[in-house]
Amino acid sequence: MRTYDISLTITPDLPTWPGDPKIVLDRFSKMEEGAPCNVTQISACVHIGTHVDAPYHFLGGQAETIEQIPLNILTGRAYVLHLPDEVDLITPEVLIRLGIPPRTRRLLFKTRNSASWNRDYNRFHEDFVAISAEGAEFIVDHGIRLVGVDYLSVAPFAEPKPTHDILLQAGVVVIEGLNLSQVSQGRYSLYCLPLKIGGADGAPARAILIGV
C-alpha cells in the first residue's frame, strides 16, 4: 500500500485568502546564537494551507466548532474524483456526467487546481475550480458526509457563502487546500486530523491517503 501526503507545506510563501493575515514563522530561539534549542513561533489564520472548516465558520451561533467534529467522519474510505481541466465549476451536470460511485461517503475533487501547487505555489488564484450552490445541494442529496477540494475554498471566490452554508448546515465536513496532484482517481483510505483548537472556526490539518 502506498501513502500519499495530500497536505500543503506551511511556509510564509503559502498563499492565504485575500484579507487574511499572512503566515509568519519566527524562530525566536536559535542554537547558532547560543540557545539550547531551536523554537519557532507561528502567527496565522486557522484557515491556512490544508485545513478543515467547522460549521461555526459560516453558521455562527451554536454551530459546531472544530474540536467538536467527529473524527469518524474525518477518517475512512474516500473516493477521489478526477475532473477534466476544462471544468470551471462543479455543478450537478458535471457530477452526473462523471459519476459518483454508490455508497460514497467521502468525496475528494481533483481538479486543475492541484497542478498550481506545483507550479506557481505562492500566488493566489481567484479563478480556482469550486463547487456551485447547486453542486453542494447535489452532494448533500447523495448522502456525502465529507467533501474535499484542492484549493483554499470549497466555494467560488465571488460567492463564498451559499456553498458553505448548504454543506455545513447539512453536517457535511469540508476539507480545503488539498494537493491531489500525485493521486489518481479511485478509492483510498483518508486520514485527516485537524488541530484540536477549542472554540475555533477551523484548523490546519495533516491529511493523507492510503491506497487500497
C-alpha atoms as a PDB file:
ATOM      1  CA  MET A   1       0.000   0.000   0.000  1.00  0.00           C
ATOM      2  CA  ARG A   2       1.217   3.485  -0.836  1.00  0.00           C
ATOM      3  CA  THR A   3       0.799   6.525   1.378  1.00  0.00           C
ATOM      4  CA  TYR A   4       0.141   9.907  -0.264  1.00  0.00           C
ATOM      5  CA  ASP A   5       0.703  13.111   1.671  1.00  0.00           C
ATOM      6  CA  ILE A   6      -2.012  15.403   0.294  1.00  0.00           C
ATOM      7  CA  SER A   7      -1.247  18.280   2.675  1.00  0.00           C
ATOM      8  CA  LEU A   8       0.315  21.602   1.751  1.00  0.00           C
ATOM      9  CA  THR A   9       3.555  22.626   3.455  1.00  0.00           C
ATOM     10  CA  ILE A  10       3.002  25.666   5.678  1.00  0.00           C
ATOM     11  CA  THR A  11       5.562  28.362   4.882  1.00  0.00           C
ATOM     12  CA  PRO A  12       5.421  32.170   4.714  1.00  0.00           C
ATOM     13  CA  ASP A  13       5.188  31.795   0.909  1.00  0.00           C
ATOM     14  CA  LEU A  14       1.936  29.834   1.043  1.00  0.00           C
ATOM     15  CA  PRO A  15      -0.927  31.971  -0.322  1.00  0.00           C
ATOM     16  CA  THR A  16      -3.694  32.952   2.063  1.00  0.00           C
ATOM     17  CA  TRP A  17      -7.227  34.132   1.397  1.00  0.00           C
ATOM     18  CA  PRO A  18      -7.202  37.842   0.423  1.00  0.00           C
ATOM     19  CA  GLY A  19      -7.588  39.914   3.576  1.00  0.00           C
ATOM     20  CA  ASP A  20      -6.479  37.138   5.936  1.00  0.00           C
ATOM     21  CA  PRO A  21      -3.236  37.557   7.910  1.00  0.00           C
ATOM     22  CA  LYS A  22      -0.105  36.319   6.211  1.00  0.00           C
ATOM     23  CA  ILE A  23       1.737  33.346   7.672  1.00  0.00           C
ATOM     24  CA  VAL A  24       4.633  34.320   9.939  1.00  0.00           C
ATOM     25  CA  LEU A  25       7.162  31.768  11.219  1.00  0.00           C
ATOM     26  CA  ASP A  26       9.609  33.322  13.673  1.00  0.00           C
ATOM     27  CA  ARG A  27      12.420  31.155  15.065  1.00  0.00           C
ATOM     28  CA  PHE A  28      12.970  33.245  18.179  1.00  0.00           C
ATOM     29  CA  SER A  29      15.266  30.759  19.936  1.00  0.00           C
ATOM     30  CA  LYS A  30      18.326  29.928  17.810  1.00  0.00           C
ATOM     31  CA  MET A  31      21.023  27.420  18.608  1.00  0.00           C
ATOM     32  CA  GLU A  32      23.531  29.246  16.385  1.00  0.00           C
ATOM     33  CA  GLU A  33      23.101  32.246  18.698  1.00  0.00           C
ATOM     34  CA  GLY A  34      23.751  30.204  21.839  1.00  0.00           C
ATOM     35  CA  ALA A  35      20.245  29.000  22.711  1.00  0.00           C
ATOM     36  CA  PRO A  36      19.963  25.397  23.985  1.00  0.00           C
ATOM     37  CA  CYS A  37      17.392  24.560  21.304  1.00  0.00           C
ATOM     38  CA  ASN A  38      15.511  25.964  18.333  1.00  0.00           C
ATOM     39  CA  VAL A  39      11.957  27.214  18.993  1.00  0.00           C
ATOM     40  CA  THR A  40       9.620  28.709  16.397  1.00  0.00           C
ATOM     41  CA  GLN A  41       6.536  30.859  16.885  1.00  0.00           C
ATOM     42  CA  ILE A  42       3.734  30.753  14.307  1.00  0.00           C
ATOM     43  CA  SER A  43       1.238  33.521  13.593  1.00  0.00           C
ATOM     44  CA  ALA A  44      -1.556  32.874  11.091  1.00  0.00           C
ATOM     45  CA  CYS A  45      -5.265  32.469  10.456  1.00  0.00           C
ATOM     46  CA  VAL A  46      -6.625  28.997  11.233  1.00  0.00           C
ATOM     47  CA  HIS A  47      -7.710  28.629   7.578  1.00  0.00           C
ATOM     48  CA  ILE A  48      -4.232  28.154   6.143  1.00  0.00           C
ATOM     49  CA  GLY A  49      -2.976  25.510   3.770  1.00  0.00           C
ATOM     50  CA  THR A  50      -4.765  22.204   4.154  1.00  0.00           C
ATOM     51  CA  HIS A  51      -7.482  22.866   6.710  1.00  0.00           C
ATOM     52  CA  VAL A  52     -10.934  21.859   7.906  1.00  0.00           C
ATOM     53  CA  ASP A  53     -13.845  24.282   8.148  1.00  0.00           C
ATOM     54  CA  ALA A  54     -16.059  23.965  11.195  1.00  0.00           C
ATOM     55  CA  PRO A  55     -19.774  24.804  10.831  1.00  0.00           C
ATOM     56  CA  TYR A  56     -19.177  27.766  13.170  1.00  0.00           C
ATOM     57  CA  HIS A  57     -17.072  29.341  10.389  1.00  0.00           C
ATOM     58  CA  PHE A  58     -20.149  30.350   8.392  1.00  0.00           C
ATOM     59  CA  LEU A  59     -23.123  29.483  10.587  1.00  0.00           C
ATOM     60  CA  GLY A  60     -22.063  31.074  13.876  1.00  0.00           C
ATOM     61  CA  GLY A  61     -24.336  30.774  16.903  1.00  0.00           C
ATOM     62  CA  GLN A  62     -24.291  27.337  18.488  1.00  0.00           C
ATOM     63  CA  ALA A  63     -22.841  25.580  15.434  1.00  0.00           C
ATOM     64  CA  GLU A  64     -20.035  23.067  15.963  1.00  0.00           C
ATOM     65  CA  THR A  65     -16.514  24.346  16.435  1.00  0.00           C
ATOM     66  CA  ILE A  66     -13.516  22.430  15.165  1.00  0.00           C
ATOM     67  CA  GLU A  67     -12.878  20.254  18.222  1.00  0.00           C
ATOM     68  CA  GLN A  68     -16.485  19.005  18.087  1.00  0.00           C
ATOM     69  CA  ILE A  69     -16.316  17.492  14.587  1.00  0.00           C
ATOM     70  CA  PRO A  70     -16.498  13.676  14.846  1.00  0.00           C
ATOM     71  CA  LEU A  71     -13.208  12.021  13.931  1.00  0.00           C
ATOM     72  CA  ASN A  72     -15.018   9.054  12.389  1.00  0.00           C
ATOM     73  CA  ILE A  73     -16.097  11.319   9.528  1.00  0.00           C
ATOM     74  CA  LEU A  74     -12.551  12.590   9.021  1.00  0.00           C
ATOM     75  CA  THR A  75     -11.144   9.070   8.689  1.00  0.00           C
ATOM     76  CA  GLY A  76     -12.273   6.210   6.482  1.00  0.00           C
ATOM     77  CA  ARG A  77     -12.889   5.153   2.894  1.00  0.00           C
ATOM     78  CA  ALA A  78     -12.846   8.012   0.385  1.00  0.00           C
ATOM     79  CA  TYR A  79     -13.197   8.403  -3.360  1.00  0.00           C
ATOM     80  CA  VAL A  80     -11.035  10.767  -5.426  1.00  0.00           C
ATOM     81  CA  LEU A  81     -12.888  12.069  -8.475  1.00  0.00           C
ATOM     82  CA  HIS A  82     -10.656  13.491 -11.215  1.00  0.00           C
ATOM     83  CA  LEU A  83     -12.324  16.330 -13.103  1.00  0.00           C
ATOM     84  CA  PRO A  84     -11.133  17.285 -16.611  1.00  0.00           C
ATOM     85  CA  ASP A  85      -9.146  20.518 -16.861  1.00  0.00           C
ATOM     86  CA  GLU A  86     -11.945  22.218 -18.797  1.00  0.00           C
ATOM     87  CA  VAL A  87     -14.294  22.038 -15.791  1.00  0.00           C
ATOM     88  CA  ASP A  88     -14.533  25.527 -14.274  1.00  0.00           C
ATOM     89  CA  LEU A  89     -17.344  24.894 -11.791  1.00  0.00           C
ATOM     90  CA  ILE A  90     -18.530  21.706 -10.090  1.00  0.00           C
ATOM     91  CA  THR A  91     -22.250  21.533 -10.877  1.00  0.00           C
ATOM     92  CA  PRO A  92     -24.839  18.729 -10.752  1.00  0.00           C
ATOM     93  CA  GLU A  93     -24.411  18.300 -14.503  1.00  0.00           C
ATOM     94  CA  VAL A  94     -20.676  17.691 -14.093  1.00  0.00           C
ATOM     95  CA  LEU A  95     -21.235  15.216 -11.255  1.00  0.00           C
ATOM     96  CA  ILE A  96     -23.920  13.305 -13.169  1.00  0.00           C
ATOM     97  CA  ARG A  97     -21.699  13.105 -16.247  1.00  0.00           C
ATOM     98  CA  LEU A  98     -18.620  11.887 -14.364  1.00  0.00           C
ATOM     99  CA  GLY A  99     -20.471   9.729 -11.877  1.00  0.00           C
ATOM    100  CA  ILE A 100     -20.044   9.172  -8.146  1.00  0.00           C
ATOM    101  CA  PRO A 101     -19.764   5.505  -7.121  1.00  0.00           C
ATOM    102  CA  PRO A 102     -22.626   4.159  -4.983  1.00  0.00           C
ATOM    103  CA  ARG A 103     -22.158   4.293  -1.199  1.00  0.00           C
ATOM    104  CA  THR A 104     -19.515   7.027  -1.445  1.00  0.00           C
ATOM    105  CA  ARG A 105     -19.488   8.984   1.814  1.00  0.00           C
ATOM    106  CA  ARG A 106     -16.209  10.893   1.493  1.00  0.00           C
ATOM    107  CA  LEU A 107     -15.567  12.620  -1.824  1.00  0.00           C
ATOM    108  CA  LEU A 108     -12.374  14.458  -2.823  1.00  0.00           C
ATOM    109  CA  PHE A 109     -12.222  16.515  -6.013  1.00  0.00           C
ATOM    110  CA  LYS A 110      -9.024  16.535  -8.043  1.00  0.00           C
ATOM    111  CA  THR A 111      -9.138  19.453 -10.489  1.00  0.00           C
ATOM    112  CA  ARG A 112      -6.675  21.608 -12.373  1.00  0.00           C
ATOM    113  CA  ASN A 113      -6.195  23.430  -9.048  1.00  0.00           C
ATOM    114  CA  SER A 114      -3.801  20.722  -7.852  1.00  0.00           C
ATOM    115  CA  ALA A 115      -1.293  21.488 -10.610  1.00  0.00           C
ATOM    116  CA  SER A 116      -0.998  25.085  -9.379  1.00  0.00           C
ATOM    117  CA  TRP A 117       0.515  23.877  -6.096  1.00  0.00           C
ATOM    118  CA  ASN A 118       3.472  22.520  -8.080  1.00  0.00           C
ATOM    119  CA  ARG A 119       3.772  25.484 -10.452  1.00  0.00           C
ATOM    120  CA  ASP A 120       3.126  28.968  -9.042  1.00  0.00           C
ATOM    121  CA  TYR A 121       2.799  27.948  -5.416  1.00  0.00           C
ATOM    122  CA  ASN A 122       2.854  31.375  -3.791  1.00  0.00           C
ATOM    123  CA  ARG A 123       0.261  33.219  -5.909  1.00  0.00           C
ATOM    124  CA  PHE A 124      -3.422  33.301  -5.001  1.00  0.00           C
ATOM    125  CA  HIS A 125      -5.707  32.381  -7.906  1.00  0.00           C
ATOM    126  CA  GLU A 126      -9.222  33.823  -7.921  1.00  0.00           C
ATOM    127  CA  ASP A 127     -10.330  31.584 -10.814  1.00  0.00           C
ATOM    128  CA  PHE A 128      -9.956  28.298  -8.919  1.00  0.00           C
ATOM    129  CA  VAL A 129     -12.385  25.445  -9.560  1.00  0.00           C
ATOM    130  CA  ALA A 130     -15.022  25.236  -6.813  1.00  0.00           C
ATOM    131  CA  ILE A 131     -18.461  23.809  -6.079  1.00  0.00           C
ATOM    132  CA  SER A 132     -21.589  25.715  -7.081  1.00  0.00           C
ATOM    133  CA  ALA A 133     -24.518  26.040  -4.682  1.00  0.00           C
ATOM    134  CA  GLU A 134     -26.463  23.583  -6.837  1.00  0.00           C
ATOM    135  CA  GLY A 135     -23.494  21.213  -6.776  1.00  0.00           C
ATOM    136  CA  ALA A 136     -23.454  21.435  -2.990  1.00  0.00           C
ATOM    137  CA  GLU A 137     -27.161  20.517  -2.866  1.00  0.00           C
ATOM    138  CA  PHE A 138     -26.473  17.540  -5.137  1.00  0.00           C
ATOM    139  CA  ILE A 139     -23.694  16.381  -2.794  1.00  0.00           C
ATOM    140  CA  VAL A 140     -25.979  16.660   0.247  1.00  0.00           C
ATOM    141  CA  ASP A 141     -28.817  14.844  -1.521  1.00  0.00           C
ATOM    142  CA  HIS A 142     -26.473  11.939  -2.351  1.00  0.00           C
ATOM    143  CA  GLY A 143     -25.509  11.307   1.260  1.00  0.00           C
ATOM    144  CA  ILE A 144     -21.924  12.574   1.094  1.00  0.00           C
ATOM    145  CA  ARG A 145     -20.629  13.205   4.636  1.00  0.00           C
ATOM    146  CA  LEU A 146     -17.263  14.768   3.770  1.00  0.00           C
ATOM    147  CA  VAL A 147     -16.076  16.747   0.764  1.00  0.00           C
ATOM    148  CA  GLY A 148     -12.524  17.865  -0.012  1.00  0.00           C
ATOM    149  CA  VAL A 149     -11.269  20.349  -2.594  1.00  0.00           C
ATOM    150  CA  ASP A 150      -7.819  21.147  -3.921  1.00  0.00           C
ATOM    151  CA  TYR A 151      -7.822  24.896  -3.351  1.00  0.00           C
ATOM    152  CA  LEU A 152      -8.407  27.235  -0.420  1.00  0.00           C
ATOM    153  CA  SER A 153     -12.193  27.310  -0.643  1.00  0.00           C
ATOM    154  CA  VAL A 154     -14.950  24.860  -1.443  1.00  0.00           C
ATOM    155  CA  ALA A 155     -16.966  27.770  -2.870  1.00  0.00           C
ATOM    156  CA  PRO A 156     -16.343  30.123  -5.802  1.00  0.00           C
ATOM    157  CA  PHE A 157     -14.272  33.211  -4.982  1.00  0.00           C
ATOM    158  CA  ALA A 158     -17.073  35.662  -5.767  1.00  0.00           C
ATOM    159  CA  GLU A 159     -19.783  33.747  -3.859  1.00  0.00           C
ATOM    160  CA  PRO A 160     -18.305  32.028  -0.813  1.00  0.00           C
ATOM    161  CA  LYS A 161     -21.411  31.847   1.386  1.00  0.00           C
ATOM    162  CA  PRO A 162     -24.112  29.780  -0.418  1.00  0.00           C
ATOM    163  CA  THR A 163     -21.986  26.665  -0.999  1.00  0.00           C
ATOM    164  CA  HIS A 164     -20.535  26.756   2.507  1.00  0.00           C
ATOM    165  CA  ASP A 165     -23.968  27.267   4.094  1.00  0.00           C
ATOM    166  CA  ILE A 166     -25.552  24.352   2.227  1.00  0.00           C
ATOM    167  CA  LEU A 167     -22.769  21.908   3.085  1.00  0.00           C
ATOM    168  CA  LEU A 168     -22.198  22.956   6.683  1.00  0.00           C
ATOM    169  CA  GLN A 169     -25.901  23.171   7.560  1.00  0.00           C
ATOM    170  CA  ALA A 170     -26.269  19.589   6.343  1.00  0.00           C
ATOM    171  CA  GLY A 171     -23.374  18.435   8.525  1.00  0.00           C
ATOM    172  CA  VAL A 172     -21.002  17.804   5.616  1.00  0.00           C
ATOM    173  CA  VAL A 173     -17.381  18.139   6.755  1.00  0.00           C
ATOM    174  CA  VAL A 174     -15.358  20.435   4.489  1.00  0.00           C
ATOM    175  CA  ILE A 175     -11.639  19.997   3.825  1.00  0.00           C
ATOM    176  CA  GLU A 176      -9.930  22.721   1.807  1.00  0.00           C
ATOM    177  CA  GLY A 177      -6.416  23.177   0.440  1.00  0.00           C
ATOM    178  CA  LEU A 178      -5.638  19.604  -0.597  1.00  0.00           C
ATOM    179  CA  ASN A 179      -2.884  18.766  -3.066  1.00  0.00           C
ATOM    180  CA  LEU A 180      -4.036  15.808  -5.139  1.00  0.00           C
ATOM    181  CA  SER A 181      -1.543  16.229  -7.980  1.00  0.00           C
ATOM    182  CA  GLN A 182       0.121  12.859  -7.286  1.00  0.00           C
ATOM    183  CA  VAL A 183      -3.118  10.943  -6.740  1.00  0.00           C
ATOM    184  CA  SER A 184      -5.123   9.080  -9.372  1.00  0.00           C
ATOM    185  CA  GLN A 185      -8.881   8.696  -9.438  1.00  0.00           C
ATOM    186  CA  GLY A 186     -10.101   5.869  -7.252  1.00  0.00           C
ATOM    187  CA  ARG A 187     -10.767   4.624  -3.740  1.00  0.00           C
ATOM    188  CA  TYR A 188      -8.437   5.274  -0.805  1.00  0.00           C
ATOM    189  CA  SER A 189      -8.398   5.393   2.962  1.00  0.00           C
ATOM    190  CA  LEU A 190      -8.408   9.000   4.179  1.00  0.00           C
ATOM    191  CA  TYR A 191      -6.882  10.215   7.429  1.00  0.00           C
ATOM    192  CA  CYS A 192      -7.367  13.927   8.089  1.00  0.00           C
ATOM    193  CA  LEU A 193      -6.751  15.267  11.587  1.00  0.00           C
ATOM    194  CA  PRO A 194      -7.256  18.998  12.229  1.00  0.00           C
ATOM    195  CA  LEU A 195      -5.574  20.573  15.228  1.00  0.00           C
ATOM    196  CA  LYS A 196      -7.811  20.411  18.283  1.00  0.00           C
ATOM    197  CA  ILE A 197      -8.239  24.157  18.868  1.00  0.00           C
ATOM    198  CA  GLY A 198     -11.005  24.886  21.350  1.00  0.00           C
ATOM    199  CA  GLY A 199     -13.819  27.072  20.058  1.00  0.00           C
ATOM    200  CA  ALA A 200     -12.196  27.644  16.665  1.00  0.00           C
ATOM    201  CA  ASP A 201     -13.997  28.032  13.328  1.00  0.00           C
ATOM    202  CA  GLY A 202     -11.394  25.858  11.590  1.00  0.00           C
ATOM    203  CA  ALA A 203      -7.921  24.394  11.914  1.00  0.00           C
ATOM    204  CA  PRO A 204      -4.943  23.354   9.823  1.00  0.00           C
ATOM    205  CA  ALA A 205      -4.764  19.619   9.227  1.00  0.00           C
ATOM    206  CA  ARG A 206      -2.394  16.899   8.083  1.00  0.00           C
ATOM    207  CA  ALA A 207      -4.166  14.758   5.528  1.00  0.00           C
ATOM    208  CA  ILE A 208      -3.003  11.545   3.919  1.00  0.00           C
ATOM    209  CA  LEU A 209      -4.468   8.956   1.584  1.00  0.00           C
ATOM    210  CA  ILE A 210      -3.531   5.286   1.648  1.00  0.00           C
ATOM    211  CA  GLY A 211      -4.073   3.253  -1.485  1.00  0.00           C
ATOM    212  CA  VAL A 212      -6.396   0.322  -1.015  1.00  0.00           C
END
